[in-house]
């Protein structure tokens, strides 16, 4: 079954269509939401709500367009709203939730695993120093691989705003990341 068939089944009232879409998009959606809200259970709640909204509004969905980008845009927008609310209610100095990051594939050598974990922890901590809008820009650009033009459409803002958020986020990350992760200016192309 493909997206189009699943959507057609869903529009006919067959819940199996939604089940197929959940299986196809849930992992990617939770990862994207998690990168924005930085809390696993909150990310899962965001995605669950997004699937429910998609189910409730499936009649409004244009079946000639791809479902994935439409749905992920919905997830990112919801995650951004939740993150903004969450950051207003939780002080920036609050300790992390204690949630452990997923372990990398056990195939690589121990030193590679430790280096990857250290890099992941440093990047995760640096992402925490960004505003929700900046995190969203980084996730859309580097996790979902969207162009700046696609980001402007998805975020419903001018391209200049997207460029500004990306630039500011990159500059902030350069200051927040440890020196061993930040490229030296002379080595950059």
N, C-alpha and C. Protein backbone atom coordinates (compact mmCIF):
# COMPACT_ATOMS: atom_id res chain seq x y z
N UNK A 1 0.85 -1.18 0.00
CA UNK A 1 0.00 0.00 0.00
C UNK A 1 0.89 1.24 0.00
N UNK A 2 0.47 2.27 -0.70
CA UNK A 2 1.19 3.54 -0.73
C UNK A 2 0.41 4.61 0.00
N UNK A 3 1.01 5.79 0.08
CA UNK A 3 0.34 6.91 0.76
C UNK A 3 -1.02 7.21 0.15
N UNK A 4 -1.08 7.25 -1.19
CA UNK A 4 -2.33 7.60 -1.86
C UNK A 4 -3.44 6.61 -1.53
N UNK A 5 -3.11 5.32 -1.55
CA UNK A 5 -4.11 4.30 -1.25
C UNK A 5 -4.54 4.39 0.23
N UNK A 6 -3.58 4.63 1.10
CA UNK A 6 -3.90 4.75 2.53
C UNK A 6 -4.83 5.94 2.77
N UNK A 7 -4.56 7.04 2.10
CA UNK A 7 -5.40 8.24 2.25
C UNK A 7 -6.79 7.97 1.69
N UNK A 8 -6.86 7.30 0.53
CA UNK A 8 -8.17 6.97 -0.05
C UNK A 8 -8.97 6.08 0.90
N UNK A 9 -8.30 5.08 1.49
CA UNK A 9 -8.99 4.20 2.44
C UNK A 9 -9.46 4.99 3.66
N UNK A 10 -8.62 5.90 4.13
CA UNK A 10 -8.97 6.70 5.29
C UNK A 10 -10.16 7.60 4.99
N UNK A 11 -10.19 8.18 3.81
CA UNK A 11 -11.32 9.03 3.43
C UNK A 11 -12.63 8.24 3.31
N UNK A 12 -12.50 6.94 3.08
CA UNK A 12 -13.68 6.08 3.01
C UNK A 12 -14.07 5.55 4.39
N UNK A 13 -13.34 5.93 5.41
CA UNK A 13 -13.66 5.52 6.77
C UNK A 13 -12.92 4.29 7.24
N UNK A 14 -11.99 3.77 6.44
CA UNK A 14 -11.21 2.59 6.81
C UNK A 14 -10.01 3.02 7.64
N UNK A 15 -10.01 2.71 8.91
CA UNK A 15 -8.94 3.11 9.84
C UNK A 15 -7.60 2.46 9.49
N UNK A 16 -7.64 1.40 8.68
CA UNK A 16 -6.41 0.74 8.24
C UNK A 16 -5.50 1.70 7.48
N UNK A 17 -6.08 2.69 6.82
CA UNK A 17 -5.27 3.69 6.13
C UNK A 17 -4.44 4.50 7.10
N UNK A 18 -5.05 4.88 8.22
CA UNK A 18 -4.31 5.63 9.23
C UNK A 18 -3.22 4.76 9.86
N UNK A 19 -3.56 3.51 10.09
CA UNK A 19 -2.58 2.58 10.67
C UNK A 19 -1.33 2.50 9.79
N UNK A 20 -1.54 2.45 8.48
CA UNK A 20 -0.41 2.36 7.55
C UNK A 20 0.41 3.65 7.60
N UNK A 21 -0.25 4.81 7.64
CA UNK A 21 0.46 6.09 7.69
C UNK A 21 1.24 6.23 9.00
N UNK A 22 0.67 5.75 10.09
CA UNK A 22 1.37 5.80 11.38
C UNK A 22 2.64 4.96 11.30
N UNK A 23 2.52 3.75 10.78
CA UNK A 23 3.71 2.88 10.67
C UNK A 23 4.78 3.52 9.80
N UNK A 24 4.37 4.21 8.76
CA UNK A 24 5.33 4.79 7.82
C UNK A 24 5.99 6.05 8.36
N UNK A 25 5.25 6.91 9.05
CA UNK A 25 5.77 8.23 9.40
C UNK A 25 6.03 8.45 10.89
N UNK A 26 5.65 7.56 11.75
CA UNK A 26 5.75 7.81 13.18
C UNK A 26 7.19 8.03 13.65
N UNK A 27 8.10 7.19 13.26
CA UNK A 27 9.48 7.29 13.76
C UNK A 27 10.11 8.62 13.32
N UNK A 28 9.97 8.95 12.04
CA UNK A 28 10.54 10.20 11.55
C UNK A 28 9.89 11.41 12.22
N UNK A 29 8.59 11.35 12.42
CA UNK A 29 7.87 12.45 13.04
C UNK A 29 8.30 12.63 14.51
N UNK A 30 8.41 11.53 15.24
CA UNK A 30 8.83 11.62 16.65
C UNK A 30 10.25 12.16 16.74
N UNK A 31 11.12 11.72 15.87
CA UNK A 31 12.50 12.23 15.89
C UNK A 31 12.53 13.73 15.62
N UNK A 32 11.78 14.17 14.63
CA UNK A 32 11.75 15.61 14.31
C UNK A 32 11.18 16.40 15.48
N UNK A 33 10.09 15.95 16.06
CA UNK A 33 9.48 16.64 17.19
C UNK A 33 10.43 16.64 18.39
N UNK A 34 11.11 15.53 18.61
CA UNK A 34 12.04 15.40 19.73
C UNK A 34 13.19 16.40 19.62
N UNK A 35 13.67 16.61 18.40
CA UNK A 35 14.76 17.56 18.21
C UNK A 35 14.32 18.98 18.53
N UNK A 36 13.04 19.27 18.38
CA UNK A 36 12.53 20.61 18.67
C UNK A 36 12.17 20.75 20.14
N UNK A 37 11.41 19.79 20.69
CA UNK A 37 10.93 19.94 22.08
C UNK A 37 11.90 19.38 23.12
N UNK A 38 12.80 18.48 22.70
CA UNK A 38 13.86 17.94 23.57
C UNK A 38 13.33 17.12 24.73
N UNK A 39 12.18 16.51 24.56
CA UNK A 39 11.60 15.65 25.59
C UNK A 39 10.84 14.55 24.86
N UNK A 40 11.22 13.30 25.12
CA UNK A 40 10.66 12.18 24.37
C UNK A 40 9.14 12.04 24.53
N UNK A 41 8.66 12.08 25.76
CA UNK A 41 7.22 11.89 25.96
C UNK A 41 6.44 13.06 25.37
N UNK A 42 6.99 14.25 25.45
CA UNK A 42 6.34 15.41 24.85
C UNK A 42 6.31 15.28 23.32
N UNK A 43 7.42 14.80 22.74
CA UNK A 43 7.48 14.59 21.29
C UNK A 43 6.46 13.55 20.85
N UNK A 44 6.34 12.47 21.63
CA UNK A 44 5.36 11.44 21.29
C UNK A 44 3.93 11.99 21.37
N UNK A 45 3.67 12.84 22.36
CA UNK A 45 2.35 13.47 22.48
C UNK A 45 2.07 14.37 21.29
N UNK A 46 3.08 15.14 20.87
CA UNK A 46 2.92 16.03 19.72
C UNK A 46 2.55 15.22 18.48
N UNK A 47 3.26 14.12 18.25
CA UNK A 47 3.02 13.31 17.07
C UNK A 47 1.66 12.63 17.14
N UNK A 48 1.30 12.13 18.31
CA UNK A 48 -0.01 11.50 18.45
C UNK A 48 -1.11 12.50 18.14
N UNK A 49 -0.98 13.70 18.65
CA UNK A 49 -1.98 14.75 18.37
C UNK A 49 -2.00 15.10 16.89
N UNK A 50 -0.83 15.10 16.26
CA UNK A 50 -0.77 15.42 14.83
C UNK A 50 -1.47 14.33 14.00
N UNK A 51 -1.30 13.08 14.38
CA UNK A 51 -2.01 12.00 13.68
C UNK A 51 -3.52 12.13 13.87
N UNK A 52 -3.94 12.47 15.07
CA UNK A 52 -5.38 12.66 15.31
C UNK A 52 -5.94 13.82 14.49
N UNK A 53 -5.18 14.92 14.42
CA UNK A 53 -5.63 16.06 13.59
C UNK A 53 -5.68 15.66 12.12
N UNK A 54 -4.70 14.89 11.67
CA UNK A 54 -4.70 14.44 10.27
C UNK A 54 -5.92 13.57 10.01
N UNK A 55 -6.24 12.70 10.94
CA UNK A 55 -7.41 11.83 10.80
C UNK A 55 -8.70 12.65 10.74
N UNK A 56 -8.80 13.63 11.63
CA UNK A 56 -10.01 14.45 11.69
C UNK A 56 -10.17 15.34 10.46
N UNK A 57 -9.05 15.73 9.86
CA UNK A 57 -9.09 16.68 8.73
C UNK A 57 -8.73 16.03 7.39
N UNK A 58 -8.75 14.73 7.32
CA UNK A 58 -8.30 14.05 6.11
C UNK A 58 -9.15 14.42 4.90
N UNK A 59 -10.40 14.78 5.10
CA UNK A 59 -11.26 15.19 3.99
C UNK A 59 -10.77 16.47 3.35
N UNK A 60 -10.08 17.31 4.11
CA UNK A 60 -9.55 18.57 3.60
C UNK A 60 -8.22 18.39 2.87
N UNK A 61 -7.60 17.23 3.03
CA UNK A 61 -6.28 16.99 2.44
C UNK A 61 -6.40 16.80 0.94
N UNK A 62 -5.56 17.47 0.17
CA UNK A 62 -5.51 17.35 -1.28
C UNK A 62 -4.73 16.09 -1.64
N UNK A 63 -5.43 15.07 -2.09
CA UNK A 63 -4.81 13.76 -2.36
C UNK A 63 -3.80 13.78 -3.49
N UNK A 64 -3.75 14.86 -4.26
CA UNK A 64 -2.76 14.93 -5.34
C UNK A 64 -1.39 15.35 -4.82
N UNK A 65 -1.33 15.80 -3.58
CA UNK A 65 -0.07 16.23 -2.99
C UNK A 65 0.49 15.13 -2.10
N UNK A 66 1.80 15.12 -1.87
CA UNK A 66 2.39 14.09 -1.00
C UNK A 66 2.00 14.31 0.46
N UNK A 67 1.73 13.22 1.16
CA UNK A 67 1.30 13.29 2.55
C UNK A 67 2.46 13.61 3.48
N UNK A 68 3.63 13.00 3.27
CA UNK A 68 4.76 13.13 4.19
C UNK A 68 5.14 14.57 4.51
N UNK A 69 5.44 15.40 3.52
CA UNK A 69 5.82 16.78 3.83
C UNK A 69 4.70 17.56 4.54
N UNK A 70 3.46 17.33 4.13
CA UNK A 70 2.32 18.00 4.76
C UNK A 70 2.23 17.60 6.24
N UNK A 71 2.37 16.32 6.50
CA UNK A 71 2.25 15.82 7.86
C UNK A 71 3.43 16.29 8.72
N UNK A 72 4.65 16.20 8.20
CA UNK A 72 5.82 16.61 8.97
C UNK A 72 5.80 18.11 9.26
N UNK A 73 5.26 18.90 8.33
CA UNK A 73 5.11 20.33 8.59
C UNK A 73 4.17 20.55 9.77
N UNK A 74 3.10 19.77 9.80
CA UNK A 74 2.14 19.85 10.90
C UNK A 74 2.82 19.49 12.22
N UNK A 75 3.64 18.45 12.21
CA UNK A 75 4.36 18.01 13.42
C UNK A 75 5.32 19.09 13.89
N UNK A 76 6.11 19.65 12.96
CA UNK A 76 7.09 20.68 13.32
C UNK A 76 6.38 21.92 13.88
N UNK A 77 5.29 22.34 13.25
CA UNK A 77 4.56 23.50 13.75
C UNK A 77 4.02 23.25 15.15
N UNK A 78 3.46 22.07 15.38
CA UNK A 78 2.93 21.74 16.71
C UNK A 78 4.07 21.67 17.73
N UNK A 79 5.19 21.08 17.34
CA UNK A 79 6.33 20.98 18.24
C UNK A 79 6.88 22.36 18.60
N UNK A 80 6.91 23.24 17.63
CA UNK A 80 7.39 24.60 17.87
C UNK A 80 6.49 25.31 18.89
N UNK A 81 5.17 25.16 18.75
CA UNK A 81 4.24 25.78 19.70
C UNK A 81 4.43 25.20 21.10
N UNK A 82 4.55 23.88 21.18
CA UNK A 82 4.74 23.23 22.48
C UNK A 82 6.06 23.66 23.11
N UNK A 83 7.12 23.72 22.31
CA UNK A 83 8.43 24.11 22.83
C UNK A 83 8.41 25.54 23.35
N UNK A 84 7.73 26.42 22.64
CA UNK A 84 7.65 27.82 23.07
C UNK A 84 6.90 27.91 24.41
N UNK A 85 5.80 27.17 24.53
CA UNK A 85 5.05 27.15 25.79
C UNK A 85 5.89 26.55 26.91
N UNK A 86 6.57 25.46 26.61
CA UNK A 86 7.38 24.73 27.59
C UNK A 86 8.51 25.62 28.10
N UNK A 87 9.19 26.34 27.20
CA UNK A 87 10.31 27.18 27.62
C UNK A 87 9.86 28.38 28.43
N UNK A 88 8.62 28.82 28.23
CA UNK A 88 8.11 29.92 29.06
C UNK A 88 7.84 29.44 30.48
N UNK A 89 7.52 28.15 30.62
CA UNK A 89 7.17 27.65 31.95
C UNK A 89 8.32 26.97 32.67
N UNK A 90 9.40 26.63 31.97
CA UNK A 90 10.55 25.97 32.58
C UNK A 90 11.76 26.90 32.49
N UNK A 91 12.39 27.20 33.61
CA UNK A 91 13.55 28.09 33.55
C UNK A 91 14.67 27.46 32.73
N UNK A 92 15.47 28.32 32.07
CA UNK A 92 16.56 27.82 31.24
C UNK A 92 17.61 27.08 32.05
N UNK A 93 17.73 27.39 33.34
CA UNK A 93 18.73 26.74 34.17
C UNK A 93 18.29 25.36 34.65
N UNK A 94 17.08 24.95 34.32
CA UNK A 94 16.57 23.66 34.81
C UNK A 94 17.46 22.53 34.32
N UNK A 95 17.64 21.57 35.17
CA UNK A 95 18.45 20.40 34.82
C UNK A 95 17.74 19.59 33.74
N UNK A 96 18.51 18.83 33.00
CA UNK A 96 17.91 17.99 31.96
C UNK A 96 17.00 16.95 32.61
N UNK A 97 16.17 16.35 31.80
CA UNK A 97 15.19 15.40 32.31
C UNK A 97 15.83 14.10 32.76
N UNK A 98 17.10 13.94 32.51
CA UNK A 98 17.77 12.70 32.88
C UNK A 98 17.54 11.60 31.86
N UNK A 99 16.86 11.94 30.79
CA UNK A 99 16.57 10.96 29.76
C UNK A 99 17.87 10.63 29.03
N UNK A 100 18.11 9.37 28.81
CA UNK A 100 19.33 8.96 28.15
C UNK A 100 19.14 8.98 26.65
N UNK A 101 20.21 9.34 25.96
CA UNK A 101 20.18 9.34 24.50
C UNK A 101 20.30 7.90 24.00
N UNK A 102 19.69 7.60 22.86
CA UNK A 102 19.80 6.24 22.33
C UNK A 102 21.26 5.89 22.05
N UNK A 103 21.63 4.66 22.36
CA UNK A 103 23.00 4.22 22.10
C UNK A 103 23.21 3.95 20.62
N UNK A 104 24.40 4.25 20.11
CA UNK A 104 24.67 3.95 18.71
C UNK A 104 24.74 2.44 18.46
N UNK A 105 24.74 2.04 17.20
CA UNK A 105 24.84 0.64 16.80
C UNK A 105 26.08 0.03 17.44
N UNK A 106 25.98 -1.14 18.10
CA UNK A 106 27.13 -1.71 18.79
C UNK A 106 28.21 -2.24 17.86
N UNK A 107 28.03 -2.12 16.55
CA UNK A 107 29.00 -2.62 15.58
C UNK A 107 30.35 -1.93 15.63
N UNK A 108 30.42 -0.59 15.77
CA UNK A 108 31.71 0.08 15.74
C UNK A 108 32.57 -0.26 16.96
N UNK A 109 33.83 0.10 16.87
CA UNK A 109 34.77 -0.12 17.97
C UNK A 109 34.39 0.75 19.15
N UNK A 110 34.86 0.38 20.33
CA UNK A 110 34.51 1.08 21.56
C UNK A 110 34.90 2.56 21.50
N UNK A 111 36.08 2.88 20.97
CA UNK A 111 36.49 4.28 20.91
C UNK A 111 35.58 5.09 19.98
N UNK A 112 35.11 4.46 18.91
CA UNK A 112 34.17 5.15 18.01
C UNK A 112 32.83 5.38 18.70
N UNK A 113 32.40 4.42 19.49
CA UNK A 113 31.14 4.56 20.22
C UNK A 113 31.25 5.69 21.24
N UNK A 114 32.36 5.72 21.97
CA UNK A 114 32.54 6.76 22.97
C UNK A 114 32.64 8.14 22.33
N UNK A 115 33.35 8.23 21.22
CA UNK A 115 33.48 9.51 20.51
C UNK A 115 32.12 9.98 19.99
N UNK A 116 31.36 9.05 19.42
CA UNK A 116 30.02 9.40 18.90
C UNK A 116 29.10 9.84 20.03
N UNK A 117 29.18 9.16 21.17
CA UNK A 117 28.34 9.53 22.32
C UNK A 117 28.73 10.91 22.85
N UNK A 118 30.03 11.17 22.91
CA UNK A 118 30.50 12.46 23.39
C UNK A 118 30.07 13.58 22.43
N UNK A 119 30.19 13.32 21.13
CA UNK A 119 29.76 14.30 20.13
C UNK A 119 28.26 14.53 20.22
N UNK A 120 27.50 13.45 20.32
CA UNK A 120 26.05 13.54 20.43
C UNK A 120 25.64 14.35 21.66
N UNK A 121 26.27 14.09 22.78
CA UNK A 121 25.94 14.81 24.01
C UNK A 121 26.28 16.30 23.87
N UNK A 122 27.40 16.61 23.23
CA UNK A 122 27.80 18.01 23.05
C UNK A 122 26.81 18.74 22.13
N UNK A 123 26.42 18.08 21.04
CA UNK A 123 25.47 18.69 20.11
C UNK A 123 24.12 18.85 20.80
N UNK A 124 23.69 17.84 21.54
CA UNK A 124 22.41 17.90 22.25
C UNK A 124 22.40 19.07 23.23
N UNK A 125 23.48 19.23 23.98
CA UNK A 125 23.57 20.32 24.94
C UNK A 125 23.56 21.67 24.22
N UNK A 126 24.26 21.76 23.10
CA UNK A 126 24.29 23.01 22.34
C UNK A 126 22.91 23.35 21.77
N UNK A 127 22.19 22.35 21.29
CA UNK A 127 20.84 22.59 20.78
C UNK A 127 19.93 23.14 21.87
N UNK A 128 20.17 22.75 23.09
CA UNK A 128 19.38 23.26 24.21
C UNK A 128 19.58 24.74 24.44
N UNK A 129 20.68 25.29 23.96
CA UNK A 129 20.95 26.71 24.11
C UNK A 129 20.31 27.57 23.05
N UNK A 130 19.63 26.93 22.08
CA UNK A 130 18.96 27.68 21.02
C UNK A 130 17.50 27.92 21.38
N UNK A 131 16.94 28.94 20.79
CA UNK A 131 15.51 29.19 20.97
C UNK A 131 14.74 28.13 20.18
N UNK A 132 13.46 27.92 20.47
CA UNK A 132 12.67 26.95 19.70
C UNK A 132 12.66 27.26 18.20
N UNK A 133 12.60 28.54 17.84
CA UNK A 133 12.61 28.91 16.42
C UNK A 133 13.93 28.53 15.77
N UNK A 134 15.03 28.77 16.47
CA UNK A 134 16.35 28.42 15.93
C UNK A 134 16.49 26.90 15.82
N UNK A 135 16.05 26.16 16.85
CA UNK A 135 16.10 24.68 16.79
C UNK A 135 15.28 24.16 15.62
N UNK A 136 14.11 24.76 15.43
CA UNK A 136 13.24 24.34 14.32
C UNK A 136 13.95 24.57 12.99
N UNK A 137 14.60 25.70 12.83
CA UNK A 137 15.33 25.98 11.59
C UNK A 137 16.44 24.94 11.37
N UNK A 138 17.18 24.61 12.42
CA UNK A 138 18.25 23.61 12.30
C UNK A 138 17.67 22.24 11.95
N UNK A 139 16.58 21.86 12.59
CA UNK A 139 15.95 20.55 12.32
C UNK A 139 15.46 20.48 10.88
N UNK A 140 14.76 21.53 10.44
CA UNK A 140 14.23 21.52 9.07
C UNK A 140 15.36 21.47 8.04
N UNK A 141 16.42 22.22 8.28
CA UNK A 141 17.51 22.29 7.29
C UNK A 141 18.40 21.05 7.32
N UNK A 142 18.83 20.64 8.50
CA UNK A 142 19.85 19.59 8.57
C UNK A 142 19.32 18.21 8.91
N UNK A 143 18.13 18.12 9.47
CA UNK A 143 17.55 16.80 9.75
C UNK A 143 16.59 16.38 8.65
N UNK A 144 15.72 17.30 8.23
CA UNK A 144 14.77 16.99 7.17
C UNK A 144 15.29 17.39 5.78
N UNK A 145 16.48 18.01 5.73
CA UNK A 145 17.15 18.37 4.48
C UNK A 145 16.30 19.26 3.56
N UNK A 146 15.60 20.22 4.14
CA UNK A 146 14.81 21.13 3.34
C UNK A 146 15.67 22.31 2.89
N UNK A 147 15.38 22.82 1.71
CA UNK A 147 16.07 24.03 1.26
C UNK A 147 15.49 25.22 2.01
N UNK A 148 16.16 26.36 1.90
CA UNK A 148 15.66 27.56 2.58
C UNK A 148 14.31 27.97 2.01
N UNK A 149 14.12 27.81 0.71
CA UNK A 149 12.83 28.15 0.08
C UNK A 149 11.72 27.24 0.62
N UNK A 150 12.01 25.94 0.73
CA UNK A 150 11.02 25.00 1.27
C UNK A 150 10.71 25.32 2.73
N UNK A 151 11.75 25.72 3.47
CA UNK A 151 11.55 26.08 4.87
C UNK A 151 10.64 27.30 4.99
N UNK A 152 10.85 28.28 4.13
CA UNK A 152 10.03 29.50 4.16
C UNK A 152 8.56 29.15 3.91
N UNK A 153 8.31 28.24 2.98
CA UNK A 153 6.94 27.83 2.69
C UNK A 153 6.36 27.09 3.89
N UNK A 154 7.11 26.15 4.44
CA UNK A 154 6.60 25.34 5.56
C UNK A 154 6.37 26.16 6.82
N UNK A 155 7.23 27.16 7.04
CA UNK A 155 7.09 27.98 8.25
C UNK A 155 6.21 29.21 8.02
N UNK A 156 5.78 29.39 6.78
CA UNK A 156 4.93 30.53 6.41
C UNK A 156 5.56 31.86 6.84
N UNK A 157 6.84 32.00 6.48
CA UNK A 157 7.53 33.24 6.79
C UNK A 157 8.43 33.60 5.60
N UNK A 158 8.88 34.84 5.51
CA UNK A 158 9.73 35.26 4.39
C UNK A 158 11.06 34.51 4.38
N UNK A 159 11.64 34.33 3.18
CA UNK A 159 12.95 33.66 3.08
C UNK A 159 14.03 34.35 3.91
N UNK A 160 13.94 35.66 4.02
CA UNK A 160 14.92 36.39 4.82
C UNK A 160 14.87 36.00 6.29
N UNK A 161 13.68 35.72 6.79
CA UNK A 161 13.53 35.29 8.18
C UNK A 161 14.18 33.94 8.39
N UNK A 162 13.99 33.03 7.41
CA UNK A 162 14.60 31.70 7.49
C UNK A 162 16.11 31.83 7.49
N UNK A 163 16.65 32.65 6.57
CA UNK A 163 18.11 32.84 6.51
C UNK A 163 18.63 33.42 7.81
N UNK A 164 17.91 34.38 8.36
CA UNK A 164 18.33 34.99 9.61
C UNK A 164 18.34 33.98 10.75
N UNK A 165 17.28 33.16 10.86
CA UNK A 165 17.23 32.16 11.92
C UNK A 165 18.36 31.15 11.79
N UNK A 166 18.61 30.71 10.55
CA UNK A 166 19.70 29.74 10.33
C UNK A 166 21.05 30.36 10.68
N UNK A 167 21.27 31.58 10.22
CA UNK A 167 22.54 32.25 10.49
C UNK A 167 22.75 32.42 12.00
N UNK A 168 21.72 32.92 12.66
CA UNK A 168 21.82 33.14 14.11
C UNK A 168 22.02 31.82 14.85
N UNK A 169 21.31 30.79 14.42
CA UNK A 169 21.45 29.47 15.07
C UNK A 169 22.86 28.92 14.87
N UNK A 170 23.39 29.03 13.65
CA UNK A 170 24.76 28.54 13.40
C UNK A 170 25.79 29.30 14.23
N UNK A 171 25.63 30.63 14.28
CA UNK A 171 26.56 31.43 15.08
C UNK A 171 26.50 31.04 16.55
N UNK A 172 25.29 30.86 17.04
CA UNK A 172 25.10 30.47 18.45
C UNK A 172 25.71 29.09 18.71
N UNK A 173 25.51 28.17 17.77
CA UNK A 173 26.07 26.82 17.93
C UNK A 173 27.60 26.86 17.95
N UNK A 174 28.20 27.73 17.14
CA UNK A 174 29.67 27.85 17.15
C UNK A 174 30.19 28.24 18.54
N UNK A 175 29.41 29.07 19.23
CA UNK A 175 29.82 29.49 20.58
C UNK A 175 29.50 28.43 21.63
N UNK A 176 28.45 27.66 21.40
CA UNK A 176 28.02 26.68 22.40
C UNK A 176 28.75 25.34 22.29
N UNK A 177 29.19 24.99 21.08
CA UNK A 177 29.86 23.70 20.90
C UNK A 177 31.29 23.76 21.42
N UNK A 178 31.79 22.65 21.93
CA UNK A 178 33.19 22.63 22.39
C UNK A 178 34.14 22.90 21.22
N UNK A 179 35.32 23.41 21.54
CA UNK A 179 36.30 23.78 20.52
C UNK A 179 36.65 22.61 19.60
N UNK A 180 36.69 21.39 20.14
CA UNK A 180 37.07 20.24 19.32
C UNK A 180 36.00 19.88 18.30
N UNK A 181 34.79 20.44 18.42
CA UNK A 181 33.73 20.19 17.44
C UNK A 181 33.55 21.34 16.45
N UNK A 182 34.08 22.50 16.78
CA UNK A 182 33.92 23.68 15.94
C UNK A 182 35.04 23.72 14.93
N UNK A 183 34.72 23.82 13.62
CA UNK A 183 35.78 23.88 12.61
C UNK A 183 36.58 25.17 12.75
N UNK A 184 37.87 25.06 12.49
CA UNK A 184 38.76 26.22 12.51
C UNK A 184 38.51 27.01 11.23
N UNK A 185 38.47 28.33 11.32
CA UNK A 185 38.14 29.18 10.18
C UNK A 185 39.05 28.93 8.99
N UNK A 186 40.34 28.66 9.22
CA UNK A 186 41.26 28.45 8.12
C UNK A 186 41.02 27.12 7.41
N UNK A 187 40.35 26.18 8.04
CA UNK A 187 40.08 24.88 7.44
C UNK A 187 38.78 24.88 6.64
N UNK A 188 37.93 25.89 6.84
CA UNK A 188 36.65 25.93 6.13
C UNK A 188 36.91 26.29 4.67
N UNK A 189 36.14 25.70 3.74
CA UNK A 189 36.34 26.01 2.32
C UNK A 189 35.96 27.43 1.99
